[in-house]
Amino acid sequence: MSLSSRPMAGPGLLGFHHAAVICSDYEKSKRFYVEALGLEVMAEAWRPESGSWKLDLGAGGRRAVELFWFGERPPRPDRPEALGLRHLAFAVADVDASAGVLSARGVDVEPVRVDPGTGKRFTFLKDPDGLPLELYEA
């Protein structure tokens, strides 16, 4: 596939819809995403045909994360530059305030840094399975 500098008609993408996360402990991850991060439960379903849970989580009334549990699964590589999804980033109004709330809820949050390209402030934390999550100041 060759990309040119000329604008091309796209496939009609409207924006990002959601990210899907597979967890090892459904109840632990559900508590983290709902109670620590404050995402709202939009829908939850036990799917007997696959023996799995699916939890739709939202922020501001919009879907953000689909949390799945399928039983025993292989762990995710825990190297910063492993192939695949690097991290999920959530926009926040005040990264210091958000990091403070999470720290008070027992979540380990890295020190706040500044993106040298944009001048925006950000920090990282991990979900219960070690998935890197970013808080990025909007």
N, C-alpha and C. Protein backbone atom coordinates (compact mmCIF):
# COMPACT_ATOMS: atom_id res chain seq x y z
N MET A 1 0.85 -1.18 0.00
CA MET A 1 0.00 0.00 0.00
C MET A 1 0.89 1.23 0.00
N SER A 2 0.63 2.13 -0.88
CA SER A 2 1.40 3.36 -1.01
C SER A 2 0.55 4.54 -0.58
N LEU A 3 1.11 5.40 0.24
CA LEU A 3 0.41 6.60 0.67
C LEU A 3 1.00 7.82 0.00
N SER A 4 0.16 8.66 -0.52
CA SER A 4 0.65 9.88 -1.13
C SER A 4 0.32 11.05 -0.21
N SER A 5 0.87 12.22 -0.52
CA SER A 5 0.59 13.40 0.29
C SER A 5 -0.74 14.03 -0.10
N ARG A 6 -1.34 13.57 -1.19
CA ARG A 6 -2.65 14.08 -1.61
C ARG A 6 -3.75 13.53 -0.72
N PRO A 7 -4.69 14.38 -0.30
CA PRO A 7 -5.83 13.86 0.47
C PRO A 7 -6.62 12.86 -0.38
N MET A 8 -7.01 11.77 0.25
CA MET A 8 -7.80 10.75 -0.45
C MET A 8 -9.12 10.58 0.28
N ALA A 9 -10.12 10.18 -0.46
CA ALA A 9 -11.41 9.88 0.16
C ALA A 9 -11.20 8.68 1.08
N GLY A 10 -11.63 8.81 2.33
CA GLY A 10 -11.46 7.73 3.30
C GLY A 10 -12.64 6.80 3.31
N PRO A 11 -12.59 5.79 4.19
CA PRO A 11 -13.68 4.82 4.27
C PRO A 11 -14.85 5.30 5.12
N GLY A 12 -14.89 6.57 5.46
CA GLY A 12 -16.02 7.11 6.21
C GLY A 12 -15.91 6.95 7.71
N LEU A 13 -14.70 6.86 8.24
CA LEU A 13 -14.53 6.73 9.69
C LEU A 13 -15.06 7.98 10.38
N LEU A 14 -15.81 7.77 11.45
CA LEU A 14 -16.38 8.88 12.20
C LEU A 14 -15.60 9.22 13.45
N GLY A 15 -14.71 8.34 13.87
CA GLY A 15 -13.93 8.54 15.09
C GLY A 15 -13.72 7.22 15.78
N PHE A 16 -13.09 7.26 16.92
CA PHE A 16 -12.79 6.07 17.69
C PHE A 16 -14.04 5.66 18.47
N HIS A 17 -14.38 4.38 18.48
CA HIS A 17 -15.59 3.92 19.16
C HIS A 17 -15.31 3.33 20.53
N HIS A 18 -14.41 2.34 20.64
CA HIS A 18 -14.10 1.73 21.93
C HIS A 18 -12.83 0.89 21.82
N ALA A 19 -12.33 0.48 22.96
CA ALA A 19 -11.21 -0.46 23.03
C ALA A 19 -11.72 -1.70 23.75
N ALA A 20 -11.26 -2.86 23.33
CA ALA A 20 -11.66 -4.12 23.96
C ALA A 20 -10.48 -4.65 24.78
N VAL A 21 -10.78 -5.06 26.01
CA VAL A 21 -9.76 -5.55 26.94
C VAL A 21 -10.19 -6.93 27.43
N ILE A 22 -9.29 -7.90 27.39
CA ILE A 22 -9.56 -9.22 27.95
C ILE A 22 -8.84 -9.29 29.29
N CYS A 23 -9.58 -9.64 30.33
CA CYS A 23 -9.02 -9.67 31.68
C CYS A 23 -8.91 -11.09 32.22
N SER A 24 -8.10 -11.27 33.26
CA SER A 24 -7.93 -12.59 33.88
C SER A 24 -8.88 -12.80 35.06
N ASP A 25 -9.29 -11.73 35.73
CA ASP A 25 -10.17 -11.82 36.88
C ASP A 25 -11.28 -10.79 36.67
N TYR A 26 -12.46 -11.28 36.27
CA TYR A 26 -13.55 -10.39 35.88
C TYR A 26 -13.96 -9.44 36.99
N GLU A 27 -14.21 -9.95 38.19
CA GLU A 27 -14.68 -9.09 39.28
C GLU A 27 -13.63 -8.06 39.68
N LYS A 28 -12.37 -8.46 39.73
CA LYS A 28 -11.29 -7.53 40.08
C LYS A 28 -11.18 -6.41 39.04
N SER A 29 -11.20 -6.79 37.77
CA SER A 29 -11.09 -5.79 36.70
C SER A 29 -12.33 -4.90 36.64
N LYS A 30 -13.51 -5.49 36.86
CA LYS A 30 -14.73 -4.69 36.87
C LYS A 30 -14.65 -3.63 37.98
N ARG A 31 -14.23 -4.04 39.18
CA ARG A 31 -14.08 -3.07 40.29
C ARG A 31 -13.09 -1.98 39.91
N PHE A 32 -11.96 -2.34 39.31
CA PHE A 32 -10.95 -1.35 38.94
C PHE A 32 -11.51 -0.32 37.95
N TYR A 33 -12.10 -0.80 36.85
CA TYR A 33 -12.57 0.12 35.82
C TYR A 33 -13.77 0.96 36.29
N VAL A 34 -14.62 0.39 37.15
CA VAL A 34 -15.80 1.12 37.62
C VAL A 34 -15.49 1.95 38.85
N GLU A 35 -14.90 1.33 39.88
CA GLU A 35 -14.69 2.04 41.14
C GLU A 35 -13.44 2.91 41.14
N ALA A 36 -12.35 2.46 40.58
CA ALA A 36 -11.12 3.27 40.58
C ALA A 36 -11.14 4.31 39.45
N LEU A 37 -11.41 3.86 38.22
CA LEU A 37 -11.40 4.80 37.09
C LEU A 37 -12.69 5.59 36.97
N GLY A 38 -13.78 5.06 37.50
CA GLY A 38 -15.05 5.79 37.45
C GLY A 38 -15.81 5.63 36.15
N LEU A 39 -15.50 4.60 35.35
CA LEU A 39 -16.28 4.37 34.14
C LEU A 39 -17.67 3.86 34.54
N GLU A 40 -18.66 4.18 33.73
CA GLU A 40 -20.03 3.77 34.04
C GLU A 40 -20.38 2.48 33.31
N VAL A 41 -21.14 1.61 33.98
CA VAL A 41 -21.60 0.37 33.37
C VAL A 41 -22.74 0.70 32.43
N MET A 42 -22.56 0.38 31.17
CA MET A 42 -23.60 0.62 30.17
C MET A 42 -24.40 -0.65 29.90
N ALA A 43 -23.73 -1.80 29.94
CA ALA A 43 -24.38 -3.09 29.74
C ALA A 43 -23.44 -4.17 30.27
N GLU A 44 -24.05 -5.26 30.75
CA GLU A 44 -23.26 -6.38 31.24
C GLU A 44 -23.99 -7.66 30.85
N ALA A 45 -23.26 -8.63 30.33
CA ALA A 45 -23.91 -9.86 29.89
C ALA A 45 -23.03 -11.08 30.10
N TRP A 46 -23.64 -12.14 30.63
CA TRP A 46 -23.02 -13.46 30.64
C TRP A 46 -23.41 -14.10 29.32
N ARG A 47 -22.42 -14.60 28.59
CA ARG A 47 -22.67 -15.17 27.27
C ARG A 47 -22.46 -16.69 27.35
N PRO A 48 -23.53 -17.44 27.58
CA PRO A 48 -23.39 -18.88 27.79
C PRO A 48 -22.80 -19.64 26.60
N GLU A 49 -23.04 -19.15 25.39
CA GLU A 49 -22.52 -19.85 24.21
C GLU A 49 -20.99 -19.88 24.18
N SER A 50 -20.35 -18.86 24.76
CA SER A 50 -18.88 -18.82 24.81
C SER A 50 -18.34 -18.94 26.23
N GLY A 51 -19.25 -19.04 27.22
CA GLY A 51 -18.81 -19.13 28.61
C GLY A 51 -18.01 -17.91 29.03
N SER A 52 -18.48 -16.73 28.62
CA SER A 52 -17.70 -15.51 28.86
C SER A 52 -18.59 -14.37 29.35
N TRP A 53 -17.93 -13.40 29.99
CA TRP A 53 -18.58 -12.15 30.40
C TRP A 53 -18.20 -11.05 29.42
N LYS A 54 -19.13 -10.13 29.19
CA LYS A 54 -18.86 -8.92 28.42
C LYS A 54 -19.46 -7.75 29.18
N LEU A 55 -18.64 -6.75 29.45
CA LEU A 55 -19.06 -5.56 30.18
C LEU A 55 -18.76 -4.33 29.33
N ASP A 56 -19.80 -3.57 28.99
CA ASP A 56 -19.63 -2.33 28.24
C ASP A 56 -19.52 -1.18 29.23
N LEU A 57 -18.43 -0.43 29.14
CA LEU A 57 -18.16 0.67 30.06
C LEU A 57 -18.08 1.97 29.28
N GLY A 58 -18.56 3.05 29.89
CA GLY A 58 -18.57 4.32 29.21
C GLY A 58 -18.05 5.46 30.06
N ALA A 59 -17.81 6.56 29.40
CA ALA A 59 -17.40 7.81 30.05
C ALA A 59 -18.17 8.92 29.36
N GLY A 60 -18.83 9.76 30.16
CA GLY A 60 -19.59 10.87 29.59
C GLY A 60 -20.72 10.40 28.69
N GLY A 61 -21.29 9.24 28.99
CA GLY A 61 -22.39 8.74 28.18
C GLY A 61 -21.98 8.07 26.89
N ARG A 62 -20.69 7.96 26.64
CA ARG A 62 -20.18 7.33 25.41
C ARG A 62 -19.39 6.08 25.75
N ARG A 63 -19.57 5.06 24.95
CA ARG A 63 -18.84 3.81 25.14
C ARG A 63 -17.34 4.08 25.07
N ALA A 64 -16.58 3.43 25.96
CA ALA A 64 -15.13 3.62 25.98
C ALA A 64 -14.38 2.28 25.95
N VAL A 65 -14.82 1.34 26.81
CA VAL A 65 -14.11 0.07 26.96
C VAL A 65 -15.10 -1.07 26.98
N GLU A 66 -14.78 -2.15 26.24
CA GLU A 66 -15.49 -3.41 26.37
C GLU A 66 -14.56 -4.32 27.16
N LEU A 67 -15.01 -4.79 28.31
CA LEU A 67 -14.21 -5.67 29.16
C LEU A 67 -14.73 -7.09 28.97
N PHE A 68 -13.84 -8.00 28.61
CA PHE A 68 -14.19 -9.40 28.37
C PHE A 68 -13.46 -10.30 29.36
N TRP A 69 -14.11 -11.41 29.71
CA TRP A 69 -13.47 -12.49 30.45
C TRP A 69 -13.82 -13.79 29.75
N PHE A 70 -12.79 -14.54 29.35
CA PHE A 70 -12.96 -15.81 28.65
C PHE A 70 -12.35 -16.97 29.42
N GLY A 71 -12.05 -16.81 30.68
CA GLY A 71 -11.37 -17.86 31.42
C GLY A 71 -9.86 -17.74 31.25
N GLU A 72 -9.18 -18.84 31.33
CA GLU A 72 -7.72 -18.86 31.25
C GLU A 72 -7.23 -18.39 29.88
N ARG A 73 -6.36 -17.40 29.88
CA ARG A 73 -5.77 -16.87 28.65
C ARG A 73 -4.28 -16.62 28.88
N PRO A 74 -3.47 -16.61 27.80
CA PRO A 74 -2.04 -16.33 27.98
C PRO A 74 -1.83 -14.87 28.39
N PRO A 75 -0.78 -14.59 29.17
CA PRO A 75 -0.53 -13.21 29.59
C PRO A 75 -0.06 -12.34 28.43
N ARG A 76 -0.27 -11.04 28.59
CA ARG A 76 0.18 -10.05 27.61
C ARG A 76 1.67 -9.81 27.82
N PRO A 77 2.45 -9.68 26.73
CA PRO A 77 3.87 -9.31 26.91
C PRO A 77 3.95 -7.98 27.66
N ASP A 78 4.85 -7.88 28.62
CA ASP A 78 4.96 -6.67 29.42
C ASP A 78 6.24 -5.91 29.09
N ARG A 79 6.43 -5.67 27.81
CA ARG A 79 7.56 -4.86 27.38
C ARG A 79 6.98 -3.60 26.75
N PRO A 80 7.56 -2.44 27.05
CA PRO A 80 6.98 -1.19 26.55
C PRO A 80 6.82 -1.14 25.04
N GLU A 81 7.69 -1.78 24.30
CA GLU A 81 7.62 -1.68 22.85
C GLU A 81 7.27 -3.01 22.19
N ALA A 82 6.52 -3.89 22.90
CA ALA A 82 6.07 -5.15 22.30
C ALA A 82 5.08 -4.84 21.19
N LEU A 83 4.99 -5.72 20.20
CA LEU A 83 4.03 -5.53 19.13
C LEU A 83 2.61 -5.51 19.68
N GLY A 84 1.74 -4.79 19.05
CA GLY A 84 0.35 -4.74 19.47
C GLY A 84 0.02 -3.42 20.12
N LEU A 85 -1.12 -3.40 20.78
CA LEU A 85 -1.58 -2.19 21.43
C LEU A 85 -0.60 -1.76 22.51
N ARG A 86 -0.15 -0.53 22.47
CA ARG A 86 0.83 -0.03 23.44
C ARG A 86 0.16 0.39 24.75
N HIS A 87 -0.93 1.16 24.67
CA HIS A 87 -1.65 1.57 25.87
C HIS A 87 -3.00 2.16 25.47
N LEU A 88 -3.89 2.31 26.45
CA LEU A 88 -5.14 3.03 26.26
C LEU A 88 -4.99 4.37 26.93
N ALA A 89 -5.41 5.44 26.27
CA ALA A 89 -5.28 6.78 26.83
C ALA A 89 -6.67 7.37 27.08
N PHE A 90 -6.86 7.91 28.28
CA PHE A 90 -8.10 8.58 28.65
C PHE A 90 -7.83 10.07 28.78
N ALA A 91 -8.68 10.89 28.20
CA ALA A 91 -8.56 12.34 28.34
C ALA A 91 -9.10 12.75 29.70
N VAL A 92 -8.39 13.64 30.37
CA VAL A 92 -8.82 14.18 31.66
C VAL A 92 -8.62 15.70 31.63
N ALA A 93 -9.39 16.40 32.44
CA ALA A 93 -9.28 17.86 32.50
C ALA A 93 -8.05 18.28 33.30
N ASP A 94 -7.73 17.54 34.36
CA ASP A 94 -6.62 17.90 35.25
C ASP A 94 -5.91 16.62 35.65
N VAL A 95 -4.76 16.37 35.05
CA VAL A 95 -4.05 15.11 35.28
C VAL A 95 -3.61 14.97 36.73
N ASP A 96 -3.23 16.07 37.40
CA ASP A 96 -2.82 15.99 38.80
C ASP A 96 -4.00 15.57 39.68
N ALA A 97 -5.17 16.16 39.45
CA ALA A 97 -6.34 15.82 40.24
C ALA A 97 -6.75 14.37 40.00
N SER A 98 -6.75 13.94 38.75
CA SER A 98 -7.13 12.56 38.42
C SER A 98 -6.15 11.57 39.03
N ALA A 99 -4.86 11.86 38.93
CA ALA A 99 -3.85 10.99 39.52
C ALA A 99 -4.00 10.94 41.04
N GLY A 100 -4.35 12.07 41.64
CA GLY A 100 -4.56 12.11 43.09
C GLY A 100 -5.73 11.25 43.52
N VAL A 101 -6.83 11.29 42.78
CA VAL A 101 -8.00 10.47 43.09
C VAL A 101 -7.62 8.99 42.99
N LEU A 102 -6.93 8.62 41.93
CA LEU A 102 -6.54 7.22 41.75
C LEU A 102 -5.58 6.76 42.84
N SER A 103 -4.62 7.60 43.19
CA SER A 103 -3.68 7.26 44.27
C SER A 103 -4.42 7.04 45.58
N ALA A 104 -5.40 7.89 45.86
CA ALA A 104 -6.20 7.75 47.08
C ALA A 104 -7.02 6.46 47.07
N ARG A 105 -7.29 5.94 45.89
CA ARG A 105 -8.03 4.68 45.76
C ARG A 105 -7.09 3.48 45.70
N GLY A 106 -5.82 3.70 45.97
CA GLY A 106 -4.86 2.61 46.03
C GLY A 106 -4.24 2.21 44.71
N VAL A 107 -4.39 3.03 43.68
CA VAL A 107 -3.82 2.73 42.37
C VAL A 107 -2.43 3.37 42.28
N ASP A 108 -1.44 2.59 41.86
CA ASP A 108 -0.10 3.13 41.65
C ASP A 108 -0.08 3.95 40.36
N VAL A 109 0.26 5.21 40.47
CA VAL A 109 0.30 6.12 39.33
C VAL A 109 1.72 6.66 39.21
N GLU A 110 2.26 6.65 38.00
CA GLU A 110 3.60 7.17 37.76
C GLU A 110 3.61 8.69 37.95
N PRO A 111 4.78 9.27 38.15
CA PRO A 111 4.87 10.74 38.22
C PRO A 111 4.37 11.37 36.92
N VAL A 112 3.76 12.53 37.04
CA VAL A 112 3.25 13.27 35.89
C VAL A 112 4.42 13.77 35.06
N ARG A 113 4.30 13.65 33.73
CA ARG A 113 5.32 14.11 32.80
C ARG A 113 4.69 15.09 31.81
N VAL A 114 5.53 15.71 30.99
CA VAL A 114 5.06 16.62 29.95
C VAL A 114 5.46 16.06 28.60
N ASP A 115 4.49 15.97 27.68
CA ASP A 115 4.75 15.51 26.32
C ASP A 115 5.56 16.59 25.60
N PRO A 116 6.80 16.29 25.20
CA PRO A 116 7.63 17.32 24.57
C PRO A 116 7.08 17.83 23.24
N GLY A 117 6.27 17.03 22.58
CA GLY A 117 5.72 17.45 21.29
C GLY A 117 4.53 18.37 21.40
N THR A 118 3.72 18.18 22.46
CA THR A 118 2.49 18.97 22.58
C THR A 118 2.48 19.91 23.78
N GLY A 119 3.37 19.66 24.73
CA GLY A 119 3.38 20.45 25.96
C GLY A 119 2.28 20.02 26.93
N LYS A 120 1.54 18.97 26.60
CA LYS A 120 0.46 18.47 27.46
C LYS A 120 1.02 17.55 28.54
N ARG A 121 0.32 17.53 29.69
CA ARG A 121 0.76 16.71 30.82
C ARG A 121 0.07 15.35 30.77
N PHE A 122 0.79 14.30 31.21
CA PHE A 122 0.25 12.95 31.18
C PHE A 122 0.91 12.09 32.24
N THR A 123 0.29 10.95 32.50
CA THR A 123 0.86 9.96 33.42
C THR A 123 0.35 8.59 33.02
N PHE A 124 0.99 7.57 33.57
CA PHE A 124 0.60 6.18 33.30
C PHE A 124 0.28 5.44 34.58
N LEU A 125 -0.56 4.43 34.44
CA LEU A 125 -0.89 3.49 35.50
C LEU A 125 -1.17 2.16 34.81
N LYS A 126 -1.42 1.10 35.58
CA LYS A 126 -1.73 -0.20 34.98
C LYS A 126 -3.02 -0.73 35.55
N ASP A 127 -3.76 -1.48 34.72
CA ASP A 127 -4.97 -2.13 35.20
C ASP A 127 -4.55 -3.41 35.95
N PRO A 128 -5.49 -4.16 36.52
CA PRO A 128 -5.11 -5.34 37.30
C PRO A 128 -4.31 -6.39 36.54
N ASP A 129 -4.39 -6.43 35.21
CA ASP A 129 -3.61 -7.38 34.42
C ASP A 129 -2.34 -6.77 33.85
N GLY A 130 -2.01 -5.56 34.26
CA GLY A 130 -0.78 -4.92 33.79
C GLY A 130 -0.92 -4.15 32.50
N LEU A 131 -2.15 -4.00 31.97
CA LEU A 131 -2.34 -3.22 30.75
C LEU A 131 -2.03 -1.76 31.03
N PRO A 132 -1.12 -1.15 30.28
CA PRO A 132 -0.81 0.25 30.53
C PRO A 132 -1.96 1.18 30.13
N LEU A 133 -2.30 2.08 31.02
CA LEU A 133 -3.33 3.09 30.80
C LEU A 133 -2.70 4.46 30.97
N GLU A 134 -3.09 5.39 30.14
CA GLU A 134 -2.54 6.74 30.20
C GLU A 134 -3.67 7.72 30.53
N LEU A 135 -3.35 8.70 31.37
CA LEU A 135 -4.24 9.84 31.59
C LEU A 135 -3.57 11.01 30.89
N TYR A 136 -4.27 11.61 29.95
CA TYR A 136 -3.70 12.68 29.11
C TYR A 136 -4.55 13.93 29.28
N GLU A 137 -3.91 15.02 29.69
CA GLU A 137 -4.64 16.25 29.96
C GLU A 137 -5.15 16.86 28.67
N ALA A 138 -6.46 17.04 28.60
CA ALA A 138 -7.09 17.58 27.37
C ALA A 138 -6.91 19.07 27.28
